Protein backbone atom coordinates (compact mmCIF):
# COMPACT_ATOMS: atom_id res chain seq x y z
CA UNK A 1 0.34 -0.16 0.09
CA UNK A 2 1.06 3.50 -0.40
CA UNK A 3 -0.85 4.82 2.21
CA UNK A 4 -1.01 2.71 5.32
CA UNK A 5 -1.57 5.59 7.86
CA UNK A 6 -4.23 7.85 8.59
CA UNK A 7 -1.52 10.76 9.64
CA UNK A 8 0.10 10.85 6.17
CA UNK A 9 -0.03 14.35 4.89
CA UNK A 10 -1.99 13.15 1.16
CA UNK A 11 -5.25 11.91 3.94
CA UNK A 12 -4.53 15.25 6.32
CA UNK A 13 -5.21 17.11 2.67
CA UNK A 14 -7.57 15.29 1.37
CA UNK A 15 -9.76 15.56 3.87
CA UNK A 16 -9.36 19.23 4.41
CA UNK A 17 -10.08 19.50 0.61
CA UNK A 18 -13.54 17.26 1.79
CA UNK A 19 -13.85 19.27 4.46
CA UNK A 20 -13.46 23.37 4.10
CA UNK A 21 -14.89 25.20 0.66
CA UNK A 22 -12.03 27.98 0.94
CA UNK A 23 -9.59 25.64 0.52
CA UNK A 24 -11.09 23.73 -2.79
CA UNK A 25 -11.41 27.71 -3.97
CA UNK A 26 -7.96 28.32 -2.59
CA UNK A 27 -6.45 25.32 -4.78
CA UNK A 28 -8.97 25.07 -7.39
CA UNK A 29 -9.64 21.26 -7.20
CA UNK A 30 -12.29 19.03 -5.65
CA UNK A 31 -12.87 15.95 -4.21
CA UNK A 32 -15.06 13.62 -6.78
CA UNK A 33 -15.62 9.41 -4.99
CA UNK A 34 -17.31 7.16 -6.44
CA UNK A 35 -16.67 4.78 -9.47
CA UNK A 36 -19.61 5.95 -11.46
CA UNK A 37 -18.78 9.90 -10.46
CA UNK A 38 -15.49 9.15 -11.60
CA UNK A 39 -16.50 7.68 -14.75
CA UNK A 40 -19.05 10.38 -15.88
CA UNK A 41 -16.33 12.96 -14.87
CA UNK A 42 -13.48 11.47 -16.80
CA UNK A 43 -16.47 10.79 -19.64
CA UNK A 44 -16.93 14.61 -19.81
CA UNK A 45 -12.75 15.25 -20.66
CA UNK A 46 -11.90 16.01 -16.85
CA UNK A 47 -8.69 15.34 -15.79
CA UNK A 48 -7.35 14.45 -12.74
CA UNK A 49 -4.68 15.16 -10.89
CA UNK A 50 -4.97 12.06 -8.58
CA UNK A 51 -7.05 8.87 -8.15
CA UNK A 52 -6.92 7.19 -4.48
CA UNK A 53 -8.09 3.50 -4.84
CA UNK A 54 -8.88 0.48 -1.76
CA UNK A 55 -7.95 -2.62 -3.35
CA UNK A 56 -9.87 -3.62 -0.47
CA UNK A 57 -12.85 -2.26 -1.75
CA UNK A 58 -12.60 -1.84 -5.19
CA UNK A 59 -14.82 -4.33 -7.69
CA UNK A 60 -13.84 -2.04 -10.64
CA UNK A 61 -11.19 -0.88 -12.37
CA UNK A 62 -10.63 2.73 -13.65
CA UNK A 63 -8.06 3.82 -16.51
CA UNK A 64 -5.97 6.09 -15.11
CA UNK A 65 -3.96 7.68 -18.19
CA UNK A 66 -1.89 10.45 -16.70
CA UNK A 67 -2.67 10.50 -13.48
CA UNK A 68 -0.96 9.76 -10.22
CA UNK A 69 -2.97 6.36 -8.42
CA UNK A 70 -2.09 6.20 -4.82
CA UNK A 71 -3.06 2.65 -3.35
CA UNK A 72 -5.04 2.97 0.31
CA UNK A 73 -5.88 0.63 3.13
CA UNK A 74 -9.88 0.06 3.94
CA UNK A 75 -8.82 2.28 6.84
CA UNK A 76 -7.55 5.13 5.34
CA UNK A 77 -9.55 5.14 2.58
CA UNK A 78 -12.92 5.27 5.05
CA UNK A 79 -11.16 7.83 6.88
CA UNK A 80 -10.92 10.45 3.28
CA UNK A 81 -14.13 9.00 2.61
CA UNK A 82 -17.48 11.26 2.34
CA UNK A 83 -19.81 7.81 2.10
CA UNK A 84 -21.23 5.16 4.48
CA UNK A 85 -19.85 2.12 2.35
CA UNK A 86 -17.18 4.34 -0.32
CA UNK A 87 -16.59 1.18 -3.08
CA UNK A 88 -13.10 2.13 -3.42
CA UNK A 89 -12.61 4.78 -5.92
CA UNK A 90 -11.75 8.97 -5.65
CA UNK A 91 -10.08 11.54 -6.95
CA UNK A 92 -9.21 15.46 -7.16
CA UNK A 93 -10.12 17.45 -10.26
CA UNK A 94 -9.56 19.94 -11.34
CA UNK A 95 -12.64 22.51 -10.76
CA UNK A 96 -14.01 23.42 -14.12
CA UNK A 97 -14.20 27.16 -15.30
CA UNK A 98 -17.36 27.71 -17.33
CA UNK A 99 -18.14 30.88 -18.31
CA UNK A 100 -20.98 33.00 -19.00
CA UNK A 101 -19.21 33.47 -22.75
CA UNK A 102 -18.10 29.84 -23.33
CA UNK A 103 -21.79 28.43 -23.11
CA UNK A 104 -22.84 26.36 -26.32
CA UNK A 105 -26.35 27.01 -26.70
CA UNK A 106 -28.84 25.47 -28.90
CA UNK A 107 -31.32 26.74 -31.45
CA UNK A 108 -34.52 26.86 -28.72
CA UNK A 109 -32.67 26.95 -25.48
CA UNK A 110 -33.49 25.21 -21.87
CA UNK A 111 -31.59 27.19 -19.22
CA UNK A 112 -32.48 26.40 -15.26
CA UNK A 113 -32.00 29.84 -12.95
CA UNK A 114 -31.06 27.99 -9.76
CA UNK A 115 -30.81 31.40 -7.39
CA UNK A 116 -29.59 30.87 -3.69
CA UNK A 117 -30.37 27.27 -3.34
CA UNK A 118 -29.45 26.42 -0.06
CA UNK A 119 -29.32 21.90 0.27
CA UNK A 120 -26.73 20.06 -1.17
CA UNK A 121 -29.47 17.13 -1.90
CA UNK A 122 -31.52 20.29 -3.83
CA UNK A 123 -29.27 21.51 -5.99
CA UNK A 124 -27.49 17.97 -7.03
CA UNK A 125 -31.20 16.81 -7.66
CA UNK A 126 -31.73 19.78 -10.16
CA UNK A 127 -28.90 19.22 -11.96
CA UNK A 128 -30.09 15.65 -12.81
CA UNK A 129 -33.01 16.76 -13.98
CA UNK A 130 -31.06 18.91 -15.84
CA UNK A 131 -29.34 15.93 -17.25
CA UNK A 132 -32.05 14.06 -17.89
CA UNK A 133 -34.12 17.13 -19.49
CA UNK A 134 -31.16 17.15 -21.88
CA UNK A 135 -31.36 21.98 -20.85
CA UNK A 136 -28.43 24.07 -22.18
CA UNK A 137 -27.06 25.23 -18.97
CA UNK A 138 -27.70 25.57 -15.81
CA UNK A 139 -26.98 28.69 -14.13
CA UNK A 140 -26.07 28.95 -10.07
CA UNK A 141 -26.64 32.58 -8.93
CA UNK A 142 -25.62 33.71 -6.22
CA UNK A 143 -25.17 30.60 -4.22
CA UNK A 144 -25.50 29.17 -0.43
CA UNK A 145 -23.95 26.28 -1.17
CA UNK A 146 -20.33 25.01 -3.44
CA UNK A 147 -21.73 23.36 -6.07
CA UNK A 148 -18.68 21.37 -5.84
CA UNK A 149 -19.47 20.42 -1.94
CA UNK A 150 -18.45 16.98 -2.40
CA UNK A 151 -22.07 16.55 -1.38
CA UNK A 152 -23.63 18.23 -4.55
CA UNK A 153 -21.84 15.91 -6.61
CA UNK A 154 -22.80 13.21 -5.02
CA UNK A 155 -26.29 13.96 -4.72
CA UNK A 156 -25.88 14.93 -8.67
CA UNK A 157 -24.88 11.63 -8.91
CA UNK A 158 -22.30 12.46 -11.57
CA UNK A 159 -24.46 14.66 -13.71
CA UNK A 160 -22.73 17.74 -12.58
CA UNK A 161 -20.28 17.17 -14.97
CA UNK A 162 -22.11 16.56 -18.04
CA UNK A 163 -24.05 19.84 -17.06
CA UNK A 164 -22.50 22.94 -18.28
CA UNK A 165 -22.11 25.39 -14.70
CA UNK A 166 -22.17 28.40 -14.53
CA UNK A 167 -21.61 30.49 -11.33
CA UNK A 168 -22.41 34.22 -11.49
CA UNK A 169 -24.97 36.91 -10.17
CA UNK A 170 -27.89 37.90 -10.48
CA UNK A 171 -27.67 41.01 -12.14
CA UNK A 172 -25.05 39.02 -14.92
CA UNK A 173 -27.14 36.69 -15.05
CA UNK A 174 -30.23 38.67 -16.21
CA UNK A 175 -28.36 40.04 -18.36
CA UNK A 176 -26.98 37.76 -20.42
CA UNK A 177 -30.34 35.95 -21.06
CA UNK A 178 -31.98 38.50 -21.98
CA UNK A 179 -29.19 38.89 -24.86
CA UNK A 180 -29.75 35.95 -25.58
CA UNK A 181 -33.41 37.29 -26.07
CA UNK A 182 -34.77 34.39 -23.66
CA UNK A 183 -37.71 34.68 -21.68
CA UNK A 184 -37.40 34.82 -18.15
CA UNK A 185 -40.05 32.20 -16.12
CA UNK A 186 -39.85 33.27 -12.14
CA UNK A 187 -41.15 30.28 -10.02
CA UNK A 188 -43.72 31.48 -7.29
CA UNK A 189 -47.44 30.12 -5.52
CA UNK A 190 -48.34 33.41 -5.62
CA UNK A 191 -48.21 33.60 -9.36
CA UNK A 192 -51.35 33.69 -10.97
CA UNK A 193 -50.72 32.06 -14.15
CA UNK A 194 -50.11 28.33 -14.17
CA UNK A 195 -46.93 26.68 -15.33
CA UNK A 196 -49.02 24.67 -17.92
CA UNK A 197 -50.58 27.55 -19.84
CA UNK A 198 -47.20 29.53 -20.84
CA UNK A 199 -45.37 28.60 -23.84
CA UNK A 200 -42.36 27.53 -23.65
CA UNK A 201 -41.03 26.55 -27.32
CA UNK A 202 -39.45 29.59 -27.74
CA UNK A 203 -36.38 30.01 -25.46
CA UNK A 204 -36.49 30.13 -22.17
CA UNK A 205 -34.85 30.05 -18.69
CA UNK A 206 -36.60 29.38 -15.32
CA UNK A 207 -36.29 30.95 -12.08
CA UNK A 208 -36.45 29.07 -9.11
CA UNK A 209 -35.33 30.05 -5.13
CA UNK A 210 -35.67 28.87 -2.09
CA UNK A 211 -37.41 27.21 -0.57
CA UNK A 212 -38.49 29.09 2.68
CA UNK A 213 -38.50 32.18 0.72
CA UNK A 214 -38.46 31.68 -2.70
CA UNK A 215 -36.90 33.43 -5.46
CA UNK A 216 -35.73 37.44 -4.48
CA UNK A 217 -37.54 40.19 -5.40
CA UNK A 218 -34.36 41.02 -8.06
CA UNK A 219 -36.25 38.19 -10.27
CA UNK A 220 -39.74 38.67 -9.31
CA UNK A 221 -39.06 41.80 -10.88
CA UNK A 222 -37.36 41.13 -13.63
CA UNK A 223 -38.83 38.17 -14.76
CA UNK A 224 -41.31 37.89 -18.05
CA UNK A 225 -44.20 35.80 -16.14
CA UNK A 226 -44.43 33.97 -13.45
CA UNK A 227 -45.89 30.63 -12.89
CA UNK A 228 -47.59 28.64 -10.58
CA UNK A 229 -47.80 24.91 -10.06
CA UNK A 230 -51.30 24.26 -8.74
CA UNK A 231 -51.46 23.15 -5.11
CA UNK A 232 -54.75 20.64 -3.93
CA UNK A 233 -53.28 19.99 -0.53
CA UNK A 234 -52.95 21.74 2.75
CA UNK A 235 -49.45 23.16 1.99
CA UNK A 236 -48.41 25.78 -0.73
CA UNK A 237 -44.96 24.87 -2.21
CA UNK A 238 -43.07 21.78 -3.93
CA UNK A 239 -38.92 20.99 -3.15
CA UNK A 240 -37.48 22.87 -5.26
CA UNK A 241 -36.19 20.19 -6.73
CA UNK A 242 -39.42 18.58 -7.52
CA UNK A 243 -41.14 22.09 -8.99
CA UNK A 244 -37.71 22.69 -11.22
CA UNK A 245 -38.12 18.95 -12.64
CA UNK A 246 -42.03 19.89 -13.57
CA UNK A 247 -41.72 22.99 -14.85
CA UNK A 248 -38.45 21.99 -17.40
CA UNK A 249 -40.55 18.76 -18.49
CA UNK A 250 -43.22 20.34 -19.55
CA UNK A 251 -40.79 22.65 -21.45
CA UNK A 252 -39.95 19.72 -23.04
CA UNK A 253 -43.47 17.95 -23.36
CA UNK A 254 -44.58 20.97 -24.94
CA UNK A 255 -41.77 20.91 -27.07
CA UNK A 256 -41.93 17.07 -28.65
CA UNK A 257 -45.53 17.83 -29.23
CA UNK A 258 -44.42 20.88 -30.90
CA UNK A 259 -42.02 18.44 -33.64
CA UNK A 260 -45.15 16.35 -34.11
CA UNK A 261 -48.08 18.64 -35.17
């Protein structure tokens, strides 16, 4: 084994990278754990600095390319891992740098704008929807959670690497959306119009906010239209990731129907 002690400096650094957003930002590096997540990262063209494996746990192999491979025993790997039942694979990758200017849009783009989403699980689920619906991009505005937090990567099931993600301030995002002539939909329970009644066959940006406060006044004022999801029970809102999925797939449905007609 290359590492047999939890006191090894590499182990301490990896734990720091896992837990400390400032360390990730300072070094421009992130931690990716799990065979599936690593496979998606590699297939997306990301090049790892280092791959760590625990032969006692790993049942599948990964082509490391030119990356450094470090073997660790089970105890050491579990110290570095952030999973209850690790599968013996972990990698250190440079954080992707995507900007609004480098985005490639389809002829009729569909974009998700996630403002101040605070829970890794919700952001991860939104990214899974974005991947499944093949949206053009996810714009994360004024984030409360680090997109490259290991918990976001895990919750996204690696789709954080398959969907173009840009982190910008809300004002910058809006100027860019307007420059692309995209219709901005603000999802809010206070809207009068149901989301299924809005034409989303045009270039569209779906803006969603936090579960507790919803979208900020900035997006509510700036949106071209406010839309709601009809609530027929006792509560007046859905989980933000579920709401995002419903509206996104309505856009997909409308666009597919228009191809048939």
